[in-house]
């Protein structure tokens, strides 16, 4: 058996590196903030949340579309080019000031003639590590309950996003992406130990699917998983469910918000992740002689 064969999901890490990674514990903070029509106020509020969360956390997460209302017709109006974005300039500086890793929820990102729902990930020096463009656009029509079509104004992204940090490997995706189990498994197979989904489930799907999807994706892939929602605003045209949460590799919820504005914190114990994989070796026991999962060339 090869040196990493008992942990196939961690790929080419050396045994010494594995030891360092798997012993670390760090703190994550999910910022469940209310988002309104005023972009400047939304940015200001996000900076306040980052500053407060950074007093306790090593990694801070903002919600999906944290600088604008979650309305398809509004995305083009609020969209910013990454190279000249006042939103990204502000939050990257906030990451630097608070010396935290930051998953900056998502914003409508303009690139050429296209607009994407994009999450930007920064290190504690405020440097951009990666961006994730939402892969699966939320097009839904439940008669009498909700109709929403992101593809009216957005384009889908085209890559799986896994990022190295000093504490662990992060897999980052956005909201509707969590419903597609292949994506979470691909991130886990690429070494992700914590999956992060800024998301804005609604009052139709949230009560029935938000928690169970979070727990099952964490359990199936034996990773920590964080879902960060905007706070609920009953006056908004699209009402977010709230209930930001963190699930552990055993499928248990270790922290959960209510519906209003708050910051929740949770310890991410990579040693707990390793124990879960040793006690119940799901990834090791996959029948790769019968089936496999990979990215298309």
C-alpha atoms as a PDB file:
ATOM      1  CA  UNK A   1       0.000   0.000   0.000  1.00  0.00           C
ATOM      2  CA  UNK A   2       1.342   3.453  -0.948  1.00  0.00           C
ATOM      3  CA  UNK A   3       2.049   6.076   1.714  1.00  0.00           C
ATOM      4  CA  UNK A   4      -1.201   7.954   1.104  1.00  0.00           C
ATOM      5  CA  UNK A   5      -3.401   5.057   0.031  1.00  0.00           C
ATOM      6  CA  UNK A   6      -5.312   5.096   3.314  1.00  0.00           C
ATOM      7  CA  UNK A   7      -6.196   8.749   2.551  1.00  0.00           C
ATOM      8  CA  UNK A   8      -6.748   8.749  -1.211  1.00  0.00           C
ATOM      9  CA  UNK A   9      -8.586  12.059  -1.101  1.00  0.00           C
ATOM     10  CA  UNK A  10      -5.433  13.914  -0.093  1.00  0.00           C
ATOM     11  CA  UNK A  11      -3.604  13.124  -3.296  1.00  0.00           C
ATOM     12  CA  UNK A  12       0.092  13.913  -3.422  1.00  0.00           C
ATOM     13  CA  UNK A  13       0.672  15.337   0.058  1.00  0.00           C
ATOM     14  CA  UNK A  14       3.743  13.946   1.773  1.00  0.00           C
ATOM     15  CA  UNK A  15       3.321  12.027   5.009  1.00  0.00           C
ATOM     16  CA  UNK A  16       4.974  14.839   7.014  1.00  0.00           C
ATOM     17  CA  UNK A  17       2.686  17.444   5.451  1.00  0.00           C
ATOM     18  CA  UNK A  18      -0.314  15.269   6.203  1.00  0.00           C
ATOM     19  CA  UNK A  19       0.680  15.159   9.841  1.00  0.00           C
ATOM     20  CA  UNK A  20       0.814  18.938  10.087  1.00  0.00           C
ATOM     21  CA  UNK A  21      -2.481  19.473   8.270  1.00  0.00           C
ATOM     22  CA  UNK A  22      -4.451  16.836  10.091  1.00  0.00           C
ATOM     23  CA  UNK A  23      -3.444  18.083  13.543  1.00  0.00           C
ATOM     24  CA  UNK A  24      -4.633  21.633  13.025  1.00  0.00           C
ATOM     25  CA  UNK A  25      -7.777  23.196  14.446  1.00  0.00           C
ATOM     26  CA  UNK A  26      -9.002  26.566  13.253  1.00  0.00           C
ATOM     27  CA  UNK A  27     -12.071  28.725  13.664  1.00  0.00           C
ATOM     28  CA  UNK A  28     -14.571  29.595  10.946  1.00  0.00           C
ATOM     29  CA  UNK A  29     -17.079  32.453  11.132  1.00  0.00           C
ATOM     30  CA  UNK A  30     -20.200  32.721   8.972  1.00  0.00           C
ATOM     31  CA  UNK A  31     -21.563  36.260   8.628  1.00  0.00           C
ATOM     32  CA  UNK A  32     -25.330  36.170   8.208  1.00  0.00           C
ATOM     33  CA  UNK A  33     -25.950  39.769   7.214  1.00  0.00           C
ATOM     34  CA  UNK A  34     -29.021  41.489   5.826  1.00  0.00           C
ATOM     35  CA  UNK A  35     -28.602  42.744   2.269  1.00  0.00           C
ATOM     36  CA  UNK A  36     -30.541  45.723   0.921  1.00  0.00           C
ATOM     37  CA  UNK A  37     -30.819  47.886  -2.193  1.00  0.00           C
ATOM     38  CA  UNK A  38     -27.982  50.291  -1.265  1.00  0.00           C
ATOM     39  CA  UNK A  39     -24.687  48.834  -2.454  1.00  0.00           C
ATOM     40  CA  UNK A  40     -22.557  51.213  -0.384  1.00  0.00           C
ATOM     41  CA  UNK A  41     -24.461  50.264   2.760  1.00  0.00           C
ATOM     42  CA  UNK A  42     -24.107  46.576   1.946  1.00  0.00           C
ATOM     43  CA  UNK A  43     -20.357  46.940   1.520  1.00  0.00           C
ATOM     44  CA  UNK A  44     -20.072  48.943   4.745  1.00  0.00           C
ATOM     45  CA  UNK A  45     -22.004  46.291   6.621  1.00  0.00           C
ATOM     46  CA  UNK A  46     -19.853  43.489   5.203  1.00  0.00           C
ATOM     47  CA  UNK A  47     -16.731  45.280   6.445  1.00  0.00           C
ATOM     48  CA  UNK A  48     -18.225  45.586   9.921  1.00  0.00           C
ATOM     49  CA  UNK A  49     -19.039  41.880   9.939  1.00  0.00           C
ATOM     50  CA  UNK A  50     -15.542  40.930   8.775  1.00  0.00           C
ATOM     51  CA  UNK A  51     -13.943  43.119  11.448  1.00  0.00           C
ATOM     52  CA  UNK A  52     -16.097  41.620  14.201  1.00  0.00           C
ATOM     53  CA  UNK A  53     -15.709  38.033  12.995  1.00  0.00           C
ATOM     54  CA  UNK A  54     -11.958  38.469  12.613  1.00  0.00           C
ATOM     55  CA  UNK A  55     -11.586  39.005  16.360  1.00  0.00           C
ATOM     56  CA  UNK A  56     -12.270  35.291  16.915  1.00  0.00           C
ATOM     57  CA  UNK A  57     -11.975  33.521  13.559  1.00  0.00           C
ATOM     58  CA  UNK A  58      -9.209  32.498  11.176  1.00  0.00           C
ATOM     59  CA  UNK A  59     -11.568  32.134   8.215  1.00  0.00           C
ATOM     60  CA  UNK A  60     -14.553  34.414   7.522  1.00  0.00           C
ATOM     61  CA  UNK A  61     -17.379  33.749   5.070  1.00  0.00           C
ATOM     62  CA  UNK A  62     -19.907  36.211   3.621  1.00  0.00           C
ATOM     63  CA  UNK A  63     -23.243  35.227   2.047  1.00  0.00           C
ATOM     64  CA  UNK A  64     -24.206  34.865  -1.604  1.00  0.00           C
ATOM     65  CA  UNK A  65     -24.769  38.215  -3.355  1.00  0.00           C
ATOM     66  CA  UNK A  66     -23.744  40.206  -0.290  1.00  0.00           C
ATOM     67  CA  UNK A  67     -23.529  43.541  -2.110  1.00  0.00           C
ATOM     68  CA  UNK A  68     -26.874  43.476  -3.926  1.00  0.00           C
ATOM     69  CA  UNK A  69     -30.421  42.146  -3.719  1.00  0.00           C
ATOM     70  CA  UNK A  70     -30.905  38.600  -4.975  1.00  0.00           C
ATOM     71  CA  UNK A  71     -32.942  39.583  -8.042  1.00  0.00           C
ATOM     72  CA  UNK A  72     -32.052  38.526 -11.568  1.00  0.00           C
ATOM     73  CA  UNK A  73     -33.036  41.856 -13.082  1.00  0.00           C
ATOM     74  CA  UNK A  74     -30.784  43.681 -10.599  1.00  0.00           C
ATOM     75  CA  UNK A  75     -27.595  41.686 -11.229  1.00  0.00           C
ATOM     76  CA  UNK A  76     -26.587  43.665 -14.352  1.00  0.00           C
ATOM     77  CA  UNK A  77     -27.132  46.932 -12.489  1.00  0.00           C
ATOM     78  CA  UNK A  78     -24.880  45.929  -9.579  1.00  0.00           C
ATOM     79  CA  UNK A  79     -22.280  43.963 -11.576  1.00  0.00           C
ATOM     80  CA  UNK A  80     -18.624  44.975 -11.229  1.00  0.00           C
ATOM     81  CA  UNK A  81     -15.473  44.075 -13.120  1.00  0.00           C
ATOM     82  CA  UNK A  82     -13.051  42.357 -10.758  1.00  0.00           C
ATOM     83  CA  UNK A  83     -10.136  44.576 -11.749  1.00  0.00           C
ATOM     84  CA  UNK A  84     -11.983  47.759 -10.778  1.00  0.00           C
ATOM     85  CA  UNK A  85     -14.488  46.540  -8.207  1.00  0.00           C
ATOM     86  CA  UNK A  86     -15.067  48.796  -5.188  1.00  0.00           C
ATOM     87  CA  UNK A  87     -16.642  45.842  -3.385  1.00  0.00           C
ATOM     88  CA  UNK A  88     -13.626  43.585  -3.847  1.00  0.00           C
ATOM     89  CA  UNK A  89     -11.153  46.359  -3.070  1.00  0.00           C
ATOM     90  CA  UNK A  90     -12.931  46.959   0.241  1.00  0.00           C
ATOM     91  CA  UNK A  91     -13.282  43.349   1.376  1.00  0.00           C
ATOM     92  CA  UNK A  92      -9.747  42.367   0.347  1.00  0.00           C
ATOM     93  CA  UNK A  93      -8.454  45.258   2.475  1.00  0.00           C
ATOM     94  CA  UNK A  94     -10.694  44.077   5.317  1.00  0.00           C
ATOM     95  CA  UNK A  95      -9.183  40.586   5.085  1.00  0.00           C
ATOM     96  CA  UNK A  96      -5.743  42.154   5.295  1.00  0.00           C
ATOM     97  CA  UNK A  97      -6.673  44.421   8.200  1.00  0.00           C
ATOM     98  CA  UNK A  98      -8.182  41.539  10.189  1.00  0.00           C
ATOM     99  CA  UNK A  99      -5.532  39.046   8.998  1.00  0.00           C
ATOM    100  CA  UNK A 100      -8.088  36.402   8.060  1.00  0.00           C
ATOM    101  CA  UNK A 101      -8.809  34.169   5.138  1.00  0.00           C
ATOM    102  CA  UNK A 102     -11.973  35.446   3.491  1.00  0.00           C
ATOM    103  CA  UNK A 103     -14.492  33.713   1.270  1.00  0.00           C
ATOM    104  CA  UNK A 104     -16.247  36.812  -0.001  1.00  0.00           C
ATOM    105  CA  UNK A 105     -19.666  35.267  -0.520  1.00  0.00           C
ATOM    106  CA  UNK A 106     -20.481  36.220  -4.054  1.00  0.00           C
ATOM    107  CA  UNK A 107     -21.145  39.278  -6.163  1.00  0.00           C
ATOM    108  CA  UNK A 108     -22.362  39.762  -9.740  1.00  0.00           C
ATOM    109  CA  UNK A 109     -19.094  39.853 -11.683  1.00  0.00           C
ATOM    110  CA  UNK A 110     -18.947  41.399 -15.148  1.00  0.00           C
ATOM    111  CA  UNK A 111     -16.437  39.924 -17.600  1.00  0.00           C
ATOM    112  CA  UNK A 112     -16.647  41.184 -21.183  1.00  0.00           C
ATOM    113  CA  UNK A 113     -20.335  40.911 -22.048  1.00  0.00           C
ATOM    114  CA  UNK A 114     -21.068  38.163 -19.512  1.00  0.00           C
ATOM    115  CA  UNK A 115     -22.131  38.342 -15.863  1.00  0.00           C
ATOM    116  CA  UNK A 116     -21.298  35.605 -13.364  1.00  0.00           C
ATOM    117  CA  UNK A 117     -22.298  34.842  -9.796  1.00  0.00           C
ATOM    118  CA  UNK A 118     -18.761  34.776  -8.404  1.00  0.00           C
ATOM    119  CA  UNK A 119     -17.086  34.126  -5.076  1.00  0.00           C
ATOM    120  CA  UNK A 120     -13.636  35.595  -4.449  1.00  0.00           C
ATOM    121  CA  UNK A 121     -11.253  33.996  -1.926  1.00  0.00           C
ATOM    122  CA  UNK A 122      -8.529  36.039  -0.200  1.00  0.00           C
ATOM    123  CA  UNK A 123      -5.625  35.231   2.096  1.00  0.00           C
ATOM    124  CA  UNK A 124      -4.749  37.190   5.277  1.00  0.00           C
ATOM    125  CA  UNK A 125      -2.582  39.532   3.214  1.00  0.00           C
ATOM    126  CA  UNK A 126      -5.614  40.494   1.147  1.00  0.00           C
ATOM    127  CA  UNK A 127      -4.286  38.693  -1.928  1.00  0.00           C
ATOM    128  CA  UNK A 128      -6.680  36.900  -4.267  1.00  0.00           C
ATOM    129  CA  UNK A 129      -6.222  33.140  -4.054  1.00  0.00           C
ATOM    130  CA  UNK A 130      -9.012  32.042  -6.391  1.00  0.00           C
ATOM    131  CA  UNK A 131     -12.478  32.792  -7.676  1.00  0.00           C
ATOM    132  CA  UNK A 132     -15.422  30.443  -8.126  1.00  0.00           C
ATOM    133  CA  UNK A 133     -18.096  31.188 -10.684  1.00  0.00           C
ATOM    134  CA  UNK A 134     -21.347  29.438  -9.856  1.00  0.00           C
ATOM    135  CA  UNK A 135     -21.546  26.326 -12.005  1.00  0.00           C
ATOM    136  CA  UNK A 136     -25.243  25.471 -11.737  1.00  0.00           C
ATOM    137  CA  UNK A 137     -27.621  28.352 -12.362  1.00  0.00           C
ATOM    138  CA  UNK A 138     -30.755  28.434 -10.241  1.00  0.00           C
ATOM    139  CA  UNK A 139     -33.609  28.081 -12.719  1.00  0.00           C
ATOM    140  CA  UNK A 140     -36.718  26.926 -10.887  1.00  0.00           C
ATOM    141  CA  UNK A 141     -40.484  27.090 -11.346  1.00  0.00           C
ATOM    142  CA  UNK A 142     -42.654  25.644  -8.582  1.00  0.00           C
ATOM    143  CA  UNK A 143     -46.234  26.616  -9.487  1.00  0.00           C
ATOM    144  CA  UNK A 144     -47.870  28.815  -6.898  1.00  0.00           C
ATOM    145  CA  UNK A 145     -44.701  29.077  -4.805  1.00  0.00           C
ATOM    146  CA  UNK A 146     -41.609  30.402  -6.556  1.00  0.00           C
ATOM    147  CA  UNK A 147     -40.286  31.183 -10.006  1.00  0.00           C
ATOM    148  CA  UNK A 148     -36.677  32.257 -10.460  1.00  0.00           C
ATOM    149  CA  UNK A 149     -34.311  32.041 -13.431  1.00  0.00           C
ATOM    150  CA  UNK A 150     -30.690  33.062 -12.939  1.00  0.00           C
ATOM    151  CA  UNK A 151     -29.914  32.221 -16.559  1.00  0.00           C
ATOM    152  CA  UNK A 152     -31.959  35.267 -17.617  1.00  0.00           C
ATOM    153  CA  UNK A 153     -28.964  37.442 -16.750  1.00  0.00           C
ATOM    154  CA  UNK A 154     -26.094  35.169 -15.633  1.00  0.00           C
ATOM    155  CA  UNK A 155     -23.680  32.773 -17.319  1.00  0.00           C
ATOM    156  CA  UNK A 156     -22.418  29.573 -15.611  1.00  0.00           C
ATOM    157  CA  UNK A 157     -18.820  29.106 -14.584  1.00  0.00           C
ATOM    158  CA  UNK A 158     -16.654  26.273 -15.837  1.00  0.00           C
ATOM    159  CA  UNK A 159     -14.267  25.048 -13.158  1.00  0.00           C
ATOM    160  CA  UNK A 160     -14.148  23.246  -9.819  1.00  0.00           C
ATOM    161  CA  UNK A 161     -12.530  25.416  -7.137  1.00  0.00           C
ATOM    162  CA  UNK A 162     -10.219  23.960  -4.484  1.00  0.00           C
ATOM    163  CA  UNK A 163      -7.863  26.277  -2.592  1.00  0.00           C
ATOM    164  CA  UNK A 164      -4.880  25.712  -0.291  1.00  0.00           C
ATOM    165  CA  UNK A 165      -4.683  27.598   3.012  1.00  0.00           C
ATOM    166  CA  UNK A 166      -2.373  27.366   6.010  1.00  0.00           C
ATOM    167  CA  UNK A 167      -5.041  25.350   7.839  1.00  0.00           C
ATOM    168  CA  UNK A 168      -6.713  23.086   5.306  1.00  0.00           C
ATOM    169  CA  UNK A 169      -7.771  22.724   1.714  1.00  0.00           C
ATOM    170  CA  UNK A 170     -11.037  24.514   0.958  1.00  0.00           C
ATOM    171  CA  UNK A 171     -13.571  23.637  -1.700  1.00  0.00           C
ATOM    172  CA  UNK A 172     -15.703  26.638  -2.636  1.00  0.00           C
ATOM    173  CA  UNK A 173     -18.981  26.583  -4.557  1.00  0.00           C
ATOM    174  CA  UNK A 174     -22.208  28.592  -4.474  1.00  0.00           C
ATOM    175  CA  UNK A 175     -25.737  27.779  -3.296  1.00  0.00           C
ATOM    176  CA  UNK A 176     -27.448  25.649  -6.001  1.00  0.00           C
ATOM    177  CA  UNK A 177     -24.077  23.939  -6.613  1.00  0.00           C
ATOM    178  CA  UNK A 178     -24.621  21.993  -3.370  1.00  0.00           C
ATOM    179  CA  UNK A 179     -27.504  20.047  -4.941  1.00  0.00           C
ATOM    180  CA  UNK A 180     -25.185  18.245  -7.343  1.00  0.00           C
ATOM    181  CA  UNK A 181     -23.336  15.503  -5.443  1.00  0.00           C
ATOM    182  CA  UNK A 182     -20.705  15.004  -8.129  1.00  0.00           C
ATOM    183  CA  UNK A 183     -19.278  18.475  -7.494  1.00  0.00           C
ATOM    184  CA  UNK A 184     -18.834  17.983  -3.746  1.00  0.00           C
ATOM    185  CA  UNK A 185     -17.229  14.585  -4.366  1.00  0.00           C
ATOM    186  CA  UNK A 186     -14.854  16.050  -6.944  1.00  0.00           C
ATOM    187  CA  UNK A 187     -13.756  18.704  -4.444  1.00  0.00           C
ATOM    188  CA  UNK A 188     -13.248  16.047  -1.764  1.00  0.00           C
ATOM    189  CA  UNK A 189     -11.230  13.887  -4.149  1.00  0.00           C
ATOM    190  CA  UNK A 190      -9.071  16.914  -4.913  1.00  0.00           C
ATOM    191  CA  UNK A 191      -8.233  17.150  -1.224  1.00  0.00           C
ATOM    192  CA  UNK A 192     -10.830  19.570   0.145  1.00  0.00           C
ATOM    193  CA  UNK A 193     -11.395  19.106   3.875  1.00  0.00           C
ATOM    194  CA  UNK A 194     -13.896  21.953   4.241  1.00  0.00           C
ATOM    195  CA  UNK A 195     -16.554  22.744   1.644  1.00  0.00           C
ATOM    196  CA  UNK A 196     -17.953  26.277   1.704  1.00  0.00           C
ATOM    197  CA  UNK A 197     -21.218  27.260   0.033  1.00  0.00           C
ATOM    198  CA  UNK A 198     -22.373  30.873   0.272  1.00  0.00           C
ATOM    199  CA  UNK A 199     -26.060  30.421  -0.489  1.00  0.00           C
ATOM    200  CA  UNK A 200     -29.503  31.977  -0.470  1.00  0.00           C
ATOM    201  CA  UNK A 201     -32.129  29.259  -0.262  1.00  0.00           C
ATOM    202  CA  UNK A 202     -35.685  30.576  -0.136  1.00  0.00           C
ATOM    203  CA  UNK A 203     -38.674  29.897   2.107  1.00  0.00           C
ATOM    204  CA  UNK A 204     -39.923  27.112  -0.185  1.00  0.00           C
ATOM    205  CA  UNK A 205     -36.751  25.026  -0.469  1.00  0.00           C
ATOM    206  CA  UNK A 206     -34.928  26.175   2.669  1.00  0.00           C
ATOM    207  CA  UNK A 207     -37.099  24.548   5.348  1.00  0.00           C
ATOM    208  CA  UNK A 208     -37.053  21.151   3.624  1.00  0.00           C
ATOM    209  CA  UNK A 209     -33.623  20.940   1.985  1.00  0.00           C
ATOM    210  CA  UNK A 210     -31.079  23.375   3.512  1.00  0.00           C
ATOM    211  CA  UNK A 211     -30.061  21.315   6.529  1.00  0.00           C
ATOM    212  CA  UNK A 212     -30.394  17.854   5.017  1.00  0.00           C
ATOM    213  CA  UNK A 213     -28.304  18.748   1.965  1.00  0.00           C
ATOM    214  CA  UNK A 214     -25.611  20.239   4.194  1.00  0.00           C
ATOM    215  CA  UNK A 215     -25.468  17.198   6.445  1.00  0.00           C
ATOM    216  CA  UNK A 216     -25.552  14.634   3.643  1.00  0.00           C
ATOM    217  CA  UNK A 217     -22.838  16.342   1.574  1.00  0.00           C
ATOM    218  CA  UNK A 218     -20.630  16.530   4.679  1.00  0.00           C
ATOM    219  CA  UNK A 219     -21.307  12.905   5.585  1.00  0.00           C
ATOM    220  CA  UNK A 220     -20.945  11.438   2.078  1.00  0.00           C
ATOM    221  CA  UNK A 221     -17.572  13.109   1.573  1.00  0.00           C
ATOM    222  CA  UNK A 222     -16.478  13.076   5.236  1.00  0.00           C
ATOM    223  CA  UNK A 223     -15.656  16.771   5.240  1.00  0.00           C
ATOM    224  CA  UNK A 224     -16.734  19.827   7.160  1.00  0.00           C
ATOM    225  CA  UNK A 225     -19.305  21.865   5.258  1.00  0.00           C
ATOM    226  CA  UNK A 226     -20.395  25.477   5.775  1.00  0.00           C
ATOM    227  CA  UNK A 227     -23.491  27.141   4.280  1.00  0.00           C
ATOM    228  CA  UNK A 228     -23.633  30.934   4.676  1.00  0.00           C
ATOM    229  CA  UNK A 229     -26.960  32.652   3.999  1.00  0.00           C
ATOM    230  CA  UNK A 230     -28.062  36.279   4.027  1.00  0.00           C
ATOM    231  CA  UNK A 231     -30.294  37.190   6.960  1.00  0.00           C
ATOM    232  CA  UNK A 232     -34.013  36.974   6.314  1.00  0.00           C
ATOM    233  CA  UNK A 233     -35.754  40.104   5.081  1.00  0.00           C
ATOM    234  CA  UNK A 234     -39.496  39.581   4.826  1.00  0.00           C
ATOM    235  CA  UNK A 235     -39.840  42.772   2.753  1.00  0.00           C
ATOM    236  CA  UNK A 236     -37.471  41.636   0.010  1.00  0.00           C
ATOM    237  CA  UNK A 237     -38.747  40.335  -3.318  1.00  0.00           C
ATOM    238  CA  UNK A 238     -36.687  37.170  -2.702  1.00  0.00           C
ATOM    239  CA  UNK A 239     -36.734  36.136   0.953  1.00  0.00           C
ATOM    240  CA  UNK A 240     -33.684  34.163   2.094  1.00  0.00           C
ATOM    241  CA  UNK A 241     -34.134  31.288   4.528  1.00  0.00           C
ATOM    242  CA  UNK A 242     -31.235  32.152   6.831  1.00  0.00           C
ATOM    243  CA  UNK A 243     -30.043  29.386   9.171  1.00  0.00           C
ATOM    244  CA  UNK A 244     -26.371  29.539   8.171  1.00  0.00           C
ATOM    245  CA  UNK A 245     -24.748  26.386   9.496  1.00  0.00           C
ATOM    246  CA  UNK A 246     -21.667  24.214   9.801  1.00  0.00           C
ATOM    247  CA  UNK A 247     -21.853  20.415   9.574  1.00  0.00           C
ATOM    248  CA  UNK A 248     -19.055  18.053  10.546  1.00  0.00           C
ATOM    249  CA  UNK A 249     -17.698  14.918   8.795  1.00  0.00           C
ATOM    250  CA  UNK A 250     -20.065  12.710  10.807  1.00  0.00           C
ATOM    251  CA  UNK A 251     -23.057  14.615   9.441  1.00  0.00           C
ATOM    252  CA  UNK A 252     -23.861  16.519  12.643  1.00  0.00           C
ATOM    253  CA  UNK A 253     -24.697  20.225  12.751  1.00  0.00           C
ATOM    254  CA  UNK A 254     -22.148  21.875  15.036  1.00  0.00           C
ATOM    255  CA  UNK A 255     -23.345  25.487  14.684  1.00  0.00           C
ATOM    256  CA  UNK A 256     -26.478  27.088  13.265  1.00  0.00           C
ATOM    257  CA  UNK A 257     -27.861  30.603  13.030  1.00  0.00           C
ATOM    258  CA  UNK A 258     -31.450  31.723  13.323  1.00  0.00           C
ATOM    259  CA  UNK A 259     -33.068  33.964  10.720  1.00  0.00           C
ATOM    260  CA  UNK A 260     -31.724  37.395  11.696  1.00  0.00           C
ATOM    261  CA  UNK A 261     -28.342  39.055  11.487  1.00  0.00           C
ATOM    262  CA  UNK A 262     -25.637  37.247  13.439  1.00  0.00           C
ATOM    263  CA  UNK A 263     -22.210  35.666  13.231  1.00  0.00           C
ATOM    264  CA  UNK A 264     -21.840  31.996  14.054  1.00  0.00           C
ATOM    265  CA  UNK A 265     -18.513  30.367  14.864  1.00  0.00           C
ATOM    266  CA  UNK A 266     -17.360  26.767  14.716  1.00  0.00           C
ATOM    267  CA  UNK A 267     -14.040  24.994  15.279  1.00  0.00           C
ATOM    268  CA  UNK A 268     -12.805  23.005  12.287  1.00  0.00           C
ATOM    269  CA  UNK A 269     -10.873  20.054  13.686  1.00  0.00           C
ATOM    270  CA  UNK A 270      -8.955  18.298  10.944  1.00  0.00           C
ATOM    271  CA  UNK A 271      -8.094  15.499  13.379  1.00  0.00           C
ATOM    272  CA  UNK A 272     -11.855  14.853  13.682  1.00  0.00           C
ATOM    273  CA  UNK A 273     -12.010  14.586   9.915  1.00  0.00           C
ATOM    274  CA  UNK A 274      -9.283  11.953   9.884  1.00  0.00           C
ATOM    275  CA  UNK A 275     -10.954   9.954  12.638  1.00  0.00           C
ATOM    276  CA  UNK A 276     -14.271   9.938  10.764  1.00  0.00           C
ATOM    277  CA  UNK A 277     -12.525   8.558   7.689  1.00  0.00           C
ATOM    278  CA  UNK A 278     -10.761   5.905   9.717  1.00  0.00           C
ATOM    279  CA  UNK A 279     -13.906   4.827  11.589  1.00  0.00           C
ATOM    280  CA  UNK A 280     -16.072   4.738   8.464  1.00  0.00           C
ATOM    281  CA  UNK A 281     -13.755   4.480   5.433  1.00  0.00           C
ATOM    282  CA  UNK A 282     -16.229   5.537   2.756  1.00  0.00           C
ATOM    283  CA  UNK A 283     -13.739   7.121   0.385  1.00  0.00           C
ATOM    284  CA  UNK A 284     -11.294   4.249   0.762  1.00  0.00           C
ATOM    285  CA  UNK A 285     -14.000   1.657   0.064  1.00  0.00           C
ATOM    286  CA  UNK A 286     -15.226   3.168  -3.195  1.00  0.00           C
ATOM    287  CA  UNK A 287     -15.328   0.600  -6.033  1.00  0.00           C
ATOM    288  CA  UNK A 288     -13.147   2.469  -8.492  1.00  0.00           C
ATOM    289  CA  UNK A 289     -12.791  -0.752 -10.470  1.00  0.00           C
ATOM    290  CA  UNK A 290     -16.499  -0.386 -11.321  1.00  0.00           C
ATOM    291  CA  UNK A 291     -17.023   3.393 -11.425  1.00  0.00           C
ATOM    292  CA  UNK A 292     -15.085   6.633 -11.354  1.00  0.00           C
ATOM    293  CA  UNK A 293     -15.639  10.364 -11.334  1.00  0.00           C
ATOM    294  CA  UNK A 294     -13.463  12.909 -13.016  1.00  0.00           C
ATOM    295  CA  UNK A 295     -13.364  16.175 -14.907  1.00  0.00           C
ATOM    296  CA  UNK A 296     -13.806  16.229 -18.654  1.00  0.00           C
ATOM    297  CA  UNK A 297     -10.722  17.255 -20.600  1.00  0.00           C
END
